[in-house]
Amino acid sequence: MNLAMSLYHFHDWLFLGYKARLEREFDRQFAWGAASFWEDVARKDSRFASIRDVVDGSRRLNIRAPKDDEAFVTHLANTEIAGPDSQVSVQGESFDECAIALYDFWQALLTKLTRTDAFS
């Protein structure tokens, strides 16, 4: 959960620190602030929106009694966590793949935004 929240809310931190550069990079003004920026990011890869689904779904988390020796957690955003060695999926996508894709996107964007010759 912490990873999903950090990856999702990174757009807030980037927006606060680099608003002008982000608007030049995305070639538009973000009328609704960080929320507008996130909308553009989520359009780049459908897996990014899945990370937000996990964050939003965590507010409606349901924990039920385990079956046999298996712990099972599910919530309304179609994310399942089952057993200690299981895969977490977000609407059919591997959570790991979604998280890695968004992390890689943030890393590349931040590198671009912090280059000293960028936007000069």
PDB file of N, CA and C in Angstrom:
ATOM      1  N   MET A   1       0.815  -1.182   0.000  1.00  0.00           N
ATOM      2  CA  MET A   1       0.000   0.000   0.000  1.00  0.00           C
ATOM      3  C   MET A   1       0.869   1.260   0.000  1.00  0.00           C
ATOM      4  N   ASN A   2       1.932   1.251   0.807  1.00  0.00           N
ATOM      5  CA  ASN A   2       2.803   2.426   0.861  1.00  0.00           C
ATOM      6  C   ASN A   2       3.434   2.723  -0.492  1.00  0.00           C
ATOM      7  N   LEU A   3       3.834   1.670  -1.204  1.00  0.00           N
ATOM      8  CA  LEU A   3       4.429   1.871  -2.520  1.00  0.00           C
ATOM      9  C   LEU A   3       3.425   2.517  -3.469  1.00  0.00           C
ATOM     10  N   ALA A   4       2.218   1.999  -3.511  1.00  0.00           N
ATOM     11  CA  ALA A   4       1.192   2.556  -4.395  1.00  0.00           C
ATOM     12  C   ALA A   4       0.925   4.025  -4.045  1.00  0.00           C
ATOM     13  N   MET A   5       0.799   4.322  -2.762  1.00  0.00           N
ATOM     14  CA  MET A   5       0.529   5.706  -2.346  1.00  0.00           C
ATOM     15  C   MET A   5       1.682   6.630  -2.729  1.00  0.00           C
ATOM     16  N   SER A   6       2.903   6.175  -2.528  1.00  0.00           N
ATOM     17  CA  SER A   6       4.065   7.001  -2.870  1.00  0.00           C
ATOM     18  C   SER A   6       4.161   7.239  -4.367  1.00  0.00           C
ATOM     19  N   LEU A   7       3.959   6.181  -5.144  1.00  0.00           N
ATOM     20  CA  LEU A   7       4.026   6.330  -6.598  1.00  0.00           C
ATOM     21  C   LEU A   7       2.938   7.267  -7.110  1.00  0.00           C
ATOM     22  N   TYR A   8       1.737   7.118  -6.582  1.00  0.00           N
ATOM     23  CA  TYR A   8       0.640   7.987  -7.018  1.00  0.00           C
ATOM     24  C   TYR A   8       0.887   9.434  -6.599  1.00  0.00           C
ATOM     25  N   HIS A   9       1.205   9.664  -5.337  1.00  0.00           N
ATOM     26  CA  HIS A   9       1.326  11.035  -4.835  1.00  0.00           C
ATOM     27  C   HIS A   9       2.616  11.725  -5.258  1.00  0.00           C
ATOM     28  N   PHE A  10       3.498  11.007  -5.933  1.00  0.00           N
ATOM     29  CA  PHE A  10       4.707  11.641  -6.452  1.00  0.00           C
ATOM     30  C   PHE A  10       4.348  12.769  -7.420  1.00  0.00           C
ATOM     31  N   HIS A  11       3.196  12.639  -8.093  1.00  0.00           N
ATOM     32  CA  HIS A  11       2.791  13.718  -9.011  1.00  0.00           C
ATOM     33  C   HIS A  11       2.566  15.026  -8.246  1.00  0.00           C
ATOM     34  N   ASP A  12       2.076  14.937  -7.015  1.00  0.00           N
ATOM     35  CA  ASP A  12       1.879  16.148  -6.206  1.00  0.00           C
ATOM     36  C   ASP A  12       3.224  16.826  -5.915  1.00  0.00           C
ATOM     37  N   TRP A  13       4.198  16.012  -5.523  1.00  0.00           N
ATOM     38  CA  TRP A  13       5.511  16.556  -5.176  1.00  0.00           C
ATOM     39  C   TRP A  13       6.191  17.145  -6.408  1.00  0.00           C
ATOM     40  N   LEU A  14       6.125  16.433  -7.522  1.00  0.00           N
ATOM     41  CA  LEU A  14       6.725  16.952  -8.746  1.00  0.00           C
ATOM     42  C   LEU A  14       6.064  18.264  -9.155  1.00  0.00           C
ATOM     43  N   PHE A  15       4.756  18.293  -9.080  1.00  0.00           N
ATOM     44  CA  PHE A  15       4.028  19.487  -9.485  1.00  0.00           C
ATOM     45  C   PHE A  15       4.418  20.686  -8.625  1.00  0.00           C
ATOM     46  N   LEU A  16       4.518  20.493  -7.330  1.00  0.00           N
ATOM     47  CA  LEU A  16       4.896  21.597  -6.441  1.00  0.00           C
ATOM     48  C   LEU A  16       6.295  22.121  -6.741  1.00  0.00           C
ATOM     49  N   GLY A  17       7.199  21.207  -7.083  1.00  0.00           N
ATOM     50  CA  GLY A  17       8.594  21.610  -7.307  1.00  0.00           C
ATOM     51  C   GLY A  17       8.917  22.068  -8.717  1.00  0.00           C
ATOM     52  N   TYR A  18       8.135  21.606  -9.690  1.00  0.00           N
ATOM     53  CA  TYR A  18       8.527  21.829 -11.087  1.00  0.00           C
ATOM     54  C   TYR A  18       7.359  22.264 -11.977  1.00  0.00           C
ATOM     55  N   LYS A  19       6.406  22.970 -11.437  1.00  0.00           N
ATOM     56  CA  LYS A  19       5.199  23.320 -12.192  1.00  0.00           C
ATOM     57  C   LYS A  19       5.515  23.957 -13.547  1.00  0.00           C
ATOM     58  N   ALA A  20       6.343  24.976 -13.570  1.00  0.00           N
ATOM     59  CA  ALA A  20       6.648  25.674 -14.824  1.00  0.00           C
ATOM     60  C   ALA A  20       7.320  24.743 -15.831  1.00  0.00           C
ATOM     61  N   ARG A  21       8.255  23.961 -15.381  1.00  0.00           N
ATOM     62  CA  ARG A  21       8.934  23.028 -16.291  1.00  0.00           C
ATOM     63  C   ARG A  21       7.981  21.943 -16.787  1.00  0.00           C
ATOM     64  N   LEU A  22       7.103  21.477 -15.916  1.00  0.00           N
ATOM     65  CA  LEU A  22       6.125  20.466 -16.332  1.00  0.00           C
ATOM     66  C   LEU A  22       5.180  21.032 -17.387  1.00  0.00           C
ATOM     67  N   GLU A  23       4.770  22.270 -17.204  1.00  0.00           N
ATOM     68  CA  GLU A  23       3.876  22.876 -18.193  1.00  0.00           C
ATOM     69  C   GLU A  23       4.571  23.038 -19.539  1.00  0.00           C
ATOM     70  N   ARG A  24       5.870  23.323 -19.522  1.00  0.00           N
ATOM     71  CA  ARG A  24       6.615  23.379 -20.790  1.00  0.00           C
ATOM     72  C   ARG A  24       6.788  21.980 -21.377  1.00  0.00           C
ATOM     73  N   GLU A  25       7.094  21.015 -20.530  1.00  0.00           N
ATOM     74  CA  GLU A  25       7.299  19.637 -20.994  1.00  0.00           C
ATOM     75  C   GLU A  25       6.026  19.053 -21.608  1.00  0.00           C
ATOM     76  N   PHE A  26       4.891  19.310 -20.983  1.00  0.00           N
ATOM     77  CA  PHE A  26       3.620  18.763 -21.460  1.00  0.00           C
ATOM     78  C   PHE A  26       2.914  19.723 -22.426  1.00  0.00           C
ATOM     79  N   ASP A  27       3.520  20.887 -22.639  1.00  0.00           N
ATOM     80  CA  ASP A  27       3.028  21.884 -23.581  1.00  0.00           C
ATOM     81  C   ASP A  27       1.585  22.300 -23.293  1.00  0.00           C
ATOM     82  N   ARG A  28       1.310  22.544 -22.008  1.00  0.00           N
ATOM     83  CA  ARG A  28      -0.015  23.026 -21.638  1.00  0.00           C
ATOM     84  C   ARG A  28       0.004  23.554 -20.212  1.00  0.00           C
ATOM     85  N   GLN A  29      -1.005  24.344 -19.885  1.00  0.00           N
ATOM     86  CA  GLN A  29      -1.202  24.836 -18.530  1.00  0.00           C
ATOM     87  C   GLN A  29      -2.076  23.819 -17.796  1.00  0.00           C
ATOM     88  N   PHE A  30      -1.762  23.552 -16.553  1.00  0.00           N
ATOM     89  CA  PHE A  30      -2.544  22.608 -15.760  1.00  0.00           C
ATOM     90  C   PHE A  30      -3.566  23.401 -14.939  1.00  0.00           C
ATOM     91  N   ALA A  31      -4.756  23.565 -15.511  1.00  0.00           N
ATOM     92  CA  ALA A  31      -5.790  24.432 -14.941  1.00  0.00           C
ATOM     93  C   ALA A  31      -6.207  24.021 -13.535  1.00  0.00           C
ATOM     94  N   TRP A  32      -6.236  22.733 -13.250  1.00  0.00           N
ATOM     95  CA  TRP A  32      -6.662  22.262 -11.924  1.00  0.00           C
ATOM     96  C   TRP A  32      -5.473  21.768 -11.119  1.00  0.00           C
ATOM     97  N   GLY A  33      -4.329  22.313 -11.388  1.00  0.00           N
ATOM     98  CA  GLY A  33      -3.142  22.000 -10.609  1.00  0.00           C
ATOM     99  C   GLY A  33      -2.640  20.583 -10.813  1.00  0.00           C
ATOM    100  N   ALA A  34      -2.213  19.980  -9.712  1.00  0.00           N
ATOM    101  CA  ALA A  34      -1.627  18.643  -9.762  1.00  0.00           C
ATOM    102  C   ALA A  34      -2.602  17.609 -10.310  1.00  0.00           C
ATOM    103  N   ALA A  35      -3.896  17.803 -10.091  1.00  0.00           N
ATOM    104  CA  ALA A  35      -4.893  16.855 -10.609  1.00  0.00           C
ATOM    105  C   ALA A  35      -4.875  16.832 -12.138  1.00  0.00           C
ATOM    106  N   SER A  36      -4.723  17.977 -12.757  1.00  0.00           N
ATOM    107  CA  SER A  36      -4.630  18.043 -14.221  1.00  0.00           C
ATOM    108  C   SER A  36      -3.358  17.370 -14.702  1.00  0.00           C
ATOM    109  N   PHE A  37      -2.278  17.590 -13.970  1.00  0.00           N
ATOM    110  CA  PHE A  37      -1.011  16.940 -14.311  1.00  0.00           C
ATOM    111  C   PHE A  37      -1.172  15.423 -14.247  1.00  0.00           C
ATOM    112  N   TRP A  38      -1.800  14.902 -13.173  1.00  0.00           N
ATOM    113  CA  TRP A  38      -2.004  13.463 -13.058  1.00  0.00           C
ATOM    114  C   TRP A  38      -2.822  12.925 -14.231  1.00  0.00           C
ATOM    115  N   GLU A  39      -3.842  13.641 -14.651  1.00  0.00           N
ATOM    116  CA  GLU A  39      -4.656  13.183 -15.779  1.00  0.00           C
ATOM    117  C   GLU A  39      -3.795  12.965 -17.018  1.00  0.00           C
ATOM    118  N   ASP A  40      -2.864  13.880 -17.272  1.00  0.00           N
ATOM    119  CA  ASP A  40      -1.967  13.716 -18.423  1.00  0.00           C
ATOM    120  C   ASP A  40      -1.054  12.513 -18.243  1.00  0.00           C
ATOM    121  N   VAL A  41      -0.545  12.332 -17.048  1.00  0.00           N
ATOM    122  CA  VAL A  41       0.334  11.188 -16.769  1.00  0.00           C
ATOM    123  C   VAL A  41      -0.436   9.886 -16.963  1.00  0.00           C
ATOM    124  N   ALA A  42      -1.638   9.791 -16.419  1.00  0.00           N
ATOM    125  CA  ALA A  42      -2.432   8.558 -16.503  1.00  0.00           C
ATOM    126  C   ALA A  42      -2.778   8.204 -17.947  1.00  0.00           C
ATOM    127  N   ARG A  43      -2.883   9.200 -18.815  1.00  0.00           N
ATOM    128  CA  ARG A  43      -3.172   8.936 -20.236  1.00  0.00           C
ATOM    129  C   ARG A  43      -1.986   8.314 -20.960  1.00  0.00           C
ATOM    130  N   LYS A  44      -0.798   8.457 -20.409  1.00  0.00           N
ATOM    131  CA  LYS A  44       0.404   7.933 -21.064  1.00  0.00           C
ATOM    132  C   LYS A  44       0.471   6.409 -21.026  1.00  0.00           C
ATOM    133  N   ASP A  45      -0.116   5.802 -19.994  1.00  0.00           N
ATOM    134  CA  ASP A  45      -0.049   4.339 -19.844  1.00  0.00           C
ATOM    135  C   ASP A  45      -1.203   3.917 -18.925  1.00  0.00           C
ATOM    136  N   SER A  46      -2.034   3.015 -19.395  1.00  0.00           N
ATOM    137  CA  SER A  46      -3.205   2.610 -18.606  1.00  0.00           C
ATOM    138  C   SER A  46      -2.813   1.978 -17.273  1.00  0.00           C
ATOM    139  N   ARG A  47      -1.605   1.449 -17.186  1.00  0.00           N
ATOM    140  CA  ARG A  47      -1.155   0.852 -15.922  1.00  0.00           C
ATOM    141  C   ARG A  47      -1.005   1.900 -14.829  1.00  0.00           C
ATOM    142  N   PHE A  48      -0.755   3.154 -15.209  1.00  0.00           N
ATOM    143  CA  PHE A  48      -0.592   4.210 -14.208  1.00  0.00           C
ATOM    144  C   PHE A  48      -1.901   4.449 -13.467  1.00  0.00           C
ATOM    145  N   ALA A  49      -3.000   4.425 -14.176  1.00  0.00           N
ATOM    146  CA  ALA A  49      -4.308   4.613 -13.536  1.00  0.00           C
ATOM    147  C   ALA A  49      -4.599   3.480 -12.559  1.00  0.00           C
ATOM    148  N   SER A  50      -4.053   2.295 -12.832  1.00  0.00           N
ATOM    149  CA  SER A  50      -4.253   1.157 -11.929  1.00  0.00           C
ATOM    150  C   SER A  50      -3.633   1.411 -10.562  1.00  0.00           C
ATOM    151  N   ILE A  51      -2.525   2.134 -10.538  1.00  0.00           N
ATOM    152  CA  ILE A  51      -1.896   2.471  -9.253  1.00  0.00           C
ATOM    153  C   ILE A  51      -2.853   3.348  -8.445  1.00  0.00           C
ATOM    154  N   ARG A  52      -3.495   4.298  -9.108  1.00  0.00           N
ATOM    155  CA  ARG A  52      -4.468   5.140  -8.399  1.00  0.00           C
ATOM    156  C   ARG A  52      -5.648   4.295  -7.917  1.00  0.00           C
ATOM    157  N   ASP A  53      -6.054   3.306  -8.699  1.00  0.00           N
ATOM    158  CA  ASP A  53      -7.143   2.427  -8.272  1.00  0.00           C
ATOM    159  C   ASP A  53      -6.806   1.739  -6.951  1.00  0.00           C
ATOM    160  N   VAL A  54      -5.566   1.311  -6.808  1.00  0.00           N
ATOM    161  CA  VAL A  54      -5.141   0.656  -5.567  1.00  0.00           C
ATOM    162  C   VAL A  54      -5.243   1.636  -4.402  1.00  0.00           C
ATOM    163  N   VAL A  55      -4.747   2.860  -4.617  1.00  0.00           N
ATOM    164  CA  VAL A  55      -4.792   3.878  -3.558  1.00  0.00           C
ATOM    165  C   VAL A  55      -6.242   4.191  -3.190  1.00  0.00           C
ATOM    166  N   ASP A  56      -7.080   4.419  -4.197  1.00  0.00           N
ATOM    167  CA  ASP A  56      -8.486   4.718  -3.923  1.00  0.00           C
ATOM    168  C   ASP A  56      -9.195   3.528  -3.280  1.00  0.00           C
ATOM    169  N   GLY A  57      -8.903   2.339  -3.753  1.00  0.00           N
ATOM    170  CA  GLY A  57      -9.546   1.143  -3.229  1.00  0.00           C
ATOM    171  C   GLY A  57      -9.169   0.832  -1.800  1.00  0.00           C
ATOM    172  N   SER A  58      -8.011   1.305  -1.366  1.00  0.00           N
ATOM    173  CA  SER A  58      -7.574   1.012   0.001  1.00  0.00           C
ATOM    174  C   SER A  58      -8.513   1.630   1.028  1.00  0.00           C
ATOM    175  N   ARG A  59      -9.262   2.644   0.621  1.00  0.00           N
ATOM    176  CA  ARG A  59     -10.226   3.263   1.537  1.00  0.00           C
ATOM    177  C   ARG A  59     -11.431   2.357   1.780  1.00  0.00           C
ATOM    178  N   ARG A  60     -11.611   1.380   0.892  1.00  0.00           N
ATOM    179  CA  ARG A  60     -12.758   0.473   1.008  1.00  0.00           C
ATOM    180  C   ARG A  60     -12.284  -0.972   1.197  1.00  0.00           C
ATOM    181  N   LEU A  61     -11.208  -1.137   1.911  1.00  0.00           N
ATOM    182  CA  LEU A  61     -10.607  -2.447   2.119  1.00  0.00           C
ATOM    183  C   LEU A  61     -11.507  -3.345   2.956  1.00  0.00           C
ATOM    184  N   ASN A  62     -11.670  -4.577   2.497  1.00  0.00           N
ATOM    185  CA  ASN A  62     -12.435  -5.585   3.236  1.00  0.00           C
ATOM    186  C   ASN A  62     -11.520  -6.752   3.557  1.00  0.00           C
ATOM    187  N   ILE A  63     -11.479  -7.144   4.789  1.00  0.00           N
ATOM    188  CA  ILE A  63     -10.701  -8.317   5.185  1.00  0.00           C
ATOM    189  C   ILE A  63     -11.678  -9.364   5.670  1.00  0.00           C
ATOM    190  N   ARG A  64     -11.582 -10.550   5.092  1.00  0.00           N
ATOM    191  CA  ARG A  64     -12.494 -11.612   5.494  1.00  0.00           C
ATOM    192  C   ARG A  64     -11.689 -12.745   6.124  1.00  0.00           C
ATOM    193  N   ALA A  65     -12.380 -13.650   6.752  1.00  0.00           N
ATOM    194  CA  ALA A  65     -11.721 -14.786   7.403  1.00  0.00           C
ATOM    195  C   ALA A  65     -10.961 -15.612   6.357  1.00  0.00           C
ATOM    196  N   PRO A  66      -9.760 -16.097   6.709  1.00  0.00           N
ATOM    197  CA  PRO A  66      -8.984 -16.888   5.755  1.00  0.00           C
ATOM    198  C   PRO A  66      -9.618 -18.249   5.470  1.00  0.00           C
ATOM    199  N   LYS A  67      -9.388 -18.731   4.274  1.00  0.00           N
ATOM    200  CA  LYS A  67      -9.772 -20.092   3.905  1.00  0.00           C
ATOM    201  C   LYS A  67      -8.577 -20.981   4.215  1.00  0.00           C
ATOM    202  N   ASP A  68      -8.801 -22.012   4.990  1.00  0.00           N
ATOM    203  CA  ASP A  68      -7.720 -22.918   5.408  1.00  0.00           C
ATOM    204  C   ASP A  68      -6.573 -22.096   5.987  1.00  0.00           C
ATOM    205  N   ASP A  69      -5.382 -22.191   5.373  1.00  0.00           N
ATOM    206  CA  ASP A  69      -4.235 -21.463   5.908  1.00  0.00           C
ATOM    207  C   ASP A  69      -3.899 -20.241   5.040  1.00  0.00           C
ATOM    208  N   GLU A  70      -4.826 -19.834   4.186  1.00  0.00           N
ATOM    209  CA  GLU A  70      -4.580 -18.727   3.270  1.00  0.00           C
ATOM    210  C   GLU A  70      -5.229 -17.440   3.784  1.00  0.00           C
ATOM    211  N   ALA A  71      -4.424 -16.382   3.868  1.00  0.00           N
ATOM    212  CA  ALA A  71      -4.976 -15.065   4.182  1.00  0.00           C
ATOM    213  C   ALA A  71      -5.428 -14.456   2.867  1.00  0.00           C
ATOM    214  N   PHE A  72      -6.552 -13.754   2.874  1.00  0.00           N
ATOM    215  CA  PHE A  72      -7.077 -13.189   1.635  1.00  0.00           C
ATOM    216  C   PHE A  72      -7.623 -11.803   1.908  1.00  0.00           C
ATOM    217  N   VAL A  73      -7.174 -10.861   1.106  1.00  0.00           N
ATOM    218  CA  VAL A  73      -7.639  -9.491   1.214  1.00  0.00           C
ATOM    219  C   VAL A  73      -8.144  -9.081  -0.160  1.00  0.00           C
ATOM    220  N   THR A  74      -9.253  -8.384  -0.199  1.00  0.00           N
ATOM    221  CA  THR A  74      -9.759  -7.865  -1.465  1.00  0.00           C
ATOM    222  C   THR A  74     -10.407  -6.516  -1.214  1.00  0.00           C
ATOM    223  N   HIS A  75     -10.480  -5.697  -2.230  1.00  0.00           N
ATOM    224  CA  HIS A  75     -11.208  -4.445  -2.099  1.00  0.00           C
ATOM    225  C   HIS A  75     -11.907  -4.130  -3.405  1.00  0.00           C
ATOM    226  N   LEU A  76     -12.675  -3.079  -3.414  1.00  0.00           N
ATOM    227  CA  LEU A  76     -13.573  -2.792  -4.519  1.00  0.00           C
ATOM    228  C   LEU A  76     -12.882  -2.343  -5.790  1.00  0.00           C
ATOM    229  N   ALA A  77     -11.583  -2.124  -5.781  1.00  0.00           N
ATOM    230  CA  ALA A  77     -10.880  -1.715  -6.999  1.00  0.00           C
ATOM    231  C   ALA A  77     -10.339  -2.929  -7.743  1.00  0.00           C
ATOM    232  N   ASN A  78     -10.869  -4.115  -7.448  1.00  0.00           N
ATOM    233  CA  ASN A  78     -10.490  -5.343  -8.136  1.00  0.00           C
ATOM    234  C   ASN A  78      -9.027  -5.718  -7.933  1.00  0.00           C
ATOM    235  N   THR A  79      -8.511  -5.456  -6.761  1.00  0.00           N
ATOM    236  CA  THR A  79      -7.154  -5.835  -6.418  1.00  0.00           C
ATOM    237  C   THR A  79      -7.227  -6.981  -5.425  1.00  0.00           C
ATOM    238  N   GLU A  80      -6.448  -8.006  -5.661  1.00  0.00           N
ATOM    239  CA  GLU A  80      -6.462  -9.153  -4.770  1.00  0.00           C
ATOM    240  C   GLU A  80      -5.066  -9.438  -4.244  1.00  0.00           C
ATOM    241  N   ILE A  81      -5.004  -9.811  -2.997  1.00  0.00           N
ATOM    242  CA  ILE A  81      -3.766 -10.228  -2.364  1.00  0.00           C
ATOM    243  C   ILE A  81      -4.072 -11.556  -1.694  1.00  0.00           C
ATOM    244  N   ALA A  82      -3.378 -12.614  -2.080  1.00  0.00           N
ATOM    245  CA  ALA A  82      -3.679 -13.927  -1.515  1.00  0.00           C
ATOM    246  C   ALA A  82      -2.397 -14.684  -1.220  1.00  0.00           C
ATOM    247  N   GLY A  83      -2.215 -15.089   0.000  1.00  0.00           N
ATOM    248  CA  GLY A  83      -1.080 -15.929   0.363  1.00  0.00           C
ATOM    249  C   GLY A  83       0.251 -15.196   0.322  1.00  0.00           C
ATOM    250  N   PRO A  84       1.282 -15.750   0.980  1.00  0.00           N
ATOM    251  CA  PRO A  84       2.560 -15.062   1.105  1.00  0.00           C
ATOM    252  C   PRO A  84       3.367 -14.987  -0.188  1.00  0.00           C
ATOM    253  N   ASP A  85       3.208 -15.910  -1.117  1.00  0.00           N
ATOM    254  CA  ASP A  85       4.003 -15.926  -2.344  1.00  0.00           C
ATOM    255  C   ASP A  85       3.184 -15.589  -3.579  1.00  0.00           C
ATOM    256  N   SER A  86       2.022 -15.009  -3.392  1.00  0.00           N
ATOM    257  CA  SER A  86       1.124 -14.788  -4.522  1.00  0.00           C
ATOM    258  C   SER A  86       1.420 -13.482  -5.234  1.00  0.00           C
ATOM    259  N   GLN A  87       0.867 -13.358  -6.414  1.00  0.00           N
ATOM    260  CA  GLN A  87       0.951 -12.127  -7.191  1.00  0.00           C
ATOM    261  C   GLN A  87      -0.218 -11.220  -6.832  1.00  0.00           C
ATOM    262  N   VAL A  88       0.040  -9.957  -6.788  1.00  0.00           N
ATOM    263  CA  VAL A  88      -1.022  -8.979  -6.608  1.00  0.00           C
ATOM    264  C   VAL A  88      -1.421  -8.525  -8.003  1.00  0.00           C
ATOM    265  N   SER A  89      -2.713  -8.495  -8.271  1.00  0.00           N
ATOM    266  CA  SER A  89      -3.149  -8.040  -9.593  1.00  0.00           C
ATOM    267  C   SER A  89      -4.093  -6.862  -9.453  1.00  0.00           C
ATOM    268  N   VAL A  90      -4.025  -5.986 -10.428  1.00  0.00           N
ATOM    269  CA  VAL A  90      -4.874  -4.809 -10.471  1.00  0.00           C
ATOM    270  C   VAL A  90      -5.617  -4.870 -11.795  1.00  0.00           C
ATOM    271  N   GLN A  91      -6.889  -5.189 -11.738  1.00  0.00           N
ATOM    272  CA  GLN A  91      -7.717  -5.312 -12.926  1.00  0.00           C
ATOM    273  C   GLN A  91      -7.023  -6.138 -14.006  1.00  0.00           C
ATOM    274  N   GLY A  92      -6.469  -7.266 -13.583  1.00  0.00           N
ATOM    275  CA  GLY A  92      -5.831  -8.195 -14.511  1.00  0.00           C
ATOM    276  C   GLY A  92      -4.370  -7.916 -14.797  1.00  0.00           C
ATOM    277  N   GLU A  93      -3.847  -6.804 -14.342  1.00  0.00           N
ATOM    278  CA  GLU A  93      -2.437  -6.458 -14.544  1.00  0.00           C
ATOM    279  C   GLU A  93      -1.650  -6.796 -13.283  1.00  0.00           C
ATOM    280  N   SER A  94      -0.423  -7.229 -13.452  1.00  0.00           N
ATOM    281  CA  SER A  94       0.456  -7.456 -12.316  1.00  0.00           C
ATOM    282  C   SER A  94       0.748  -6.111 -11.642  1.00  0.00           C
ATOM    283  N   PHE A  95       0.528  -6.048 -10.329  1.00  0.00           N
ATOM    284  CA  PHE A  95       0.827  -4.813  -9.607  1.00  0.00           C
ATOM    285  C   PHE A  95       2.292  -4.448  -9.789  1.00  0.00           C
ATOM    286  N   ASP A  96       3.174  -5.452  -9.742  1.00  0.00           N
ATOM    287  CA  ASP A  96       4.605  -5.179  -9.906  1.00  0.00           C
ATOM    288  C   ASP A  96       4.883  -4.486 -11.232  1.00  0.00           C
ATOM    289  N   GLU A  97       4.262  -4.963 -12.308  1.00  0.00           N
ATOM    290  CA  GLU A  97       4.476  -4.353 -13.619  1.00  0.00           C
ATOM    291  C   GLU A  97       3.949  -2.920 -13.651  1.00  0.00           C
ATOM    292  N   CYS A  98       2.794  -2.703 -13.044  1.00  0.00           N
ATOM    293  CA  CYS A  98       2.229  -1.350 -12.989  1.00  0.00           C
ATOM    294  C   CYS A  98       3.150  -0.420 -12.206  1.00  0.00           C
ATOM    295  N   ALA A  99       3.616  -0.882 -11.067  1.00  0.00           N
ATOM    296  CA  ALA A  99       4.468  -0.064 -10.198  1.00  0.00           C
ATOM    297  C   ALA A  99       5.803   0.236 -10.873  1.00  0.00           C
ATOM    298  N   ILE A 100       6.401  -0.762 -11.496  1.00  0.00           N
ATOM    299  CA  ILE A 100       7.693  -0.559 -12.168  1.00  0.00           C
ATOM    300  C   ILE A 100       7.534   0.427 -13.321  1.00  0.00           C
ATOM    301  N   ALA A 101       6.460   0.302 -14.085  1.00  0.00           N
ATOM    302  CA  ALA A 101       6.237   1.209 -15.217  1.00  0.00           C
ATOM    303  C   ALA A 101       6.107   2.655 -14.738  1.00  0.00           C
ATOM    304  N   LEU A 102       5.343   2.883 -13.671  1.00  0.00           N
ATOM    305  CA  LEU A 102       5.167   4.247 -13.172  1.00  0.00           C
ATOM    306  C   LEU A 102       6.461   4.764 -12.544  1.00  0.00           C
ATOM    307  N   TYR A 103       7.159   3.915 -11.811  1.00  0.00           N
ATOM    308  CA  TYR A 103       8.447   4.311 -11.234  1.00  0.00           C
ATOM    309  C   TYR A 103       9.416   4.727 -12.337  1.00  0.00           C
ATOM    310  N   ASP A 104       9.515   3.932 -13.391  1.00  0.00           N
ATOM    311  CA  ASP A 104      10.413   4.248 -14.506  1.00  0.00           C
ATOM    312  C   ASP A 104      10.023   5.570 -15.169  1.00  0.00           C
ATOM    313  N   PHE A 105       8.713   5.787 -15.311  1.00  0.00           N
ATOM    314  CA  PHE A 105       8.243   7.048 -15.887  1.00  0.00           C
ATOM    315  C   PHE A 105       8.672   8.223 -15.014  1.00  0.00           C
ATOM    316  N   TRP A 106       8.429   8.112 -13.693  1.00  0.00           N
ATOM    317  CA  TRP A 106       8.806   9.203 -12.790  1.00  0.00           C
ATOM    318  C   TRP A 106      10.309   9.451 -12.836  1.00  0.00           C
ATOM    319  N   GLN A 107      11.083   8.383 -12.835  1.00  0.00           N
ATOM    320  CA  GLN A 107      12.544   8.521 -12.839  1.00  0.00           C
ATOM    321  C   GLN A 107      13.015   9.249 -14.107  1.00  0.00           C
ATOM    322  N   ALA A 108      12.490   8.857 -15.263  1.00  0.00           N
ATOM    323  CA  ALA A 108      12.891   9.506 -16.516  1.00  0.00           C
ATOM    324  C   ALA A 108      12.453  10.971 -16.540  1.00  0.00           C
ATOM    325  N   LEU A 109      11.233  11.244 -16.083  1.00  0.00           N
ATOM    326  CA  LEU A 109      10.735  12.617 -16.078  1.00  0.00           C
ATOM    327  C   LEU A 109      11.533  13.487 -15.120  1.00  0.00           C
ATOM    328  N   LEU A 110      11.803  12.988 -13.926  1.00  0.00           N
ATOM    329  CA  LEU A 110      12.562  13.773 -12.954  1.00  0.00           C
ATOM    330  C   LEU A 110      13.973  14.040 -13.465  1.00  0.00           C
ATOM    331  N   THR A 111      14.586  13.051 -14.092  1.00  0.00           N
ATOM    332  CA  THR A 111      15.917  13.241 -14.669  1.00  0.00           C
ATOM    333  C   THR A 111      15.882  14.358 -15.706  1.00  0.00           C
ATOM    334  N   LYS A 112      14.862  14.333 -16.552  1.00  0.00           N
ATOM    335  CA  LYS A 112      14.721  15.371 -17.576  1.00  0.00           C
ATOM    336  C   LYS A 112      14.490  16.751 -16.954  1.00  0.00           C
ATOM    337  N   LEU A 113      13.650  16.807 -15.940  1.00  0.00           N
ATOM    338  CA  LEU A 113      13.331  18.088 -15.304  1.00  0.00           C
ATOM    339  C   LEU A 113      14.507  18.692 -14.555  1.00  0.00           C
ATOM    340  N   THR A 114      15.407  17.858 -14.066  1.00  0.00           N
ATOM    341  CA  THR A 114      16.512  18.359 -13.240  1.00  0.00           C
ATOM    342  C   THR A 114      17.816  18.524 -14.003  1.00  0.00           C
ATOM    343  N   ARG A 115      17.812  18.223 -15.291  1.00  0.00           N
ATOM    344  CA  ARG A 115      19.014  18.479 -16.094  1.00  0.00           C
ATOM    345  C   ARG A 115      19.276  19.979 -16.102  1.00  0.00           C
ATOM    346  N   THR A 116      20.525  20.370 -15.952  1.00  0.00           N
ATOM    347  CA  THR A 116      20.829  21.795 -15.888  1.00  0.00           C
ATOM    348  C   THR A 116      20.623  22.489 -17.231  1.00  0.00           C
ATOM    349  N   ASP A 117      20.716  21.737 -18.333  1.00  0.00           N
ATOM    350  CA  ASP A 117      20.514  22.355 -19.636  1.00  0.00           C
ATOM    351  C   ASP A 117      19.059  22.262 -20.108  1.00  0.00           C
ATOM    352  N   ALA A 118      18.222  21.621 -19.299  1.00  0.00           N
ATOM    353  CA  ALA A 118      16.821  21.454 -19.695  1.00  0.00           C
ATOM    354  C   ALA A 118      16.100  22.794 -19.672  1.00  0.00           C
ATOM    355  N   PHE A 119      15.300  23.017 -20.668  1.00  0.00           N
ATOM    356  CA  PHE A 119      14.402  24.172 -20.715  1.00  0.00           C
ATOM    357  C   PHE A 119      15.156  25.514 -20.693  1.00  0.00           C
ATOM    358  N   SER A 120      16.377  25.501 -21.168  1.00  0.00           N
ATOM    359  CA  SER A 120      17.096  26.793 -21.177  1.00  0.00           C
ATOM    360  C   SER A 120      16.883  27.550 -22.458  1.00  0.00           C
TER     361      SER A 120
END
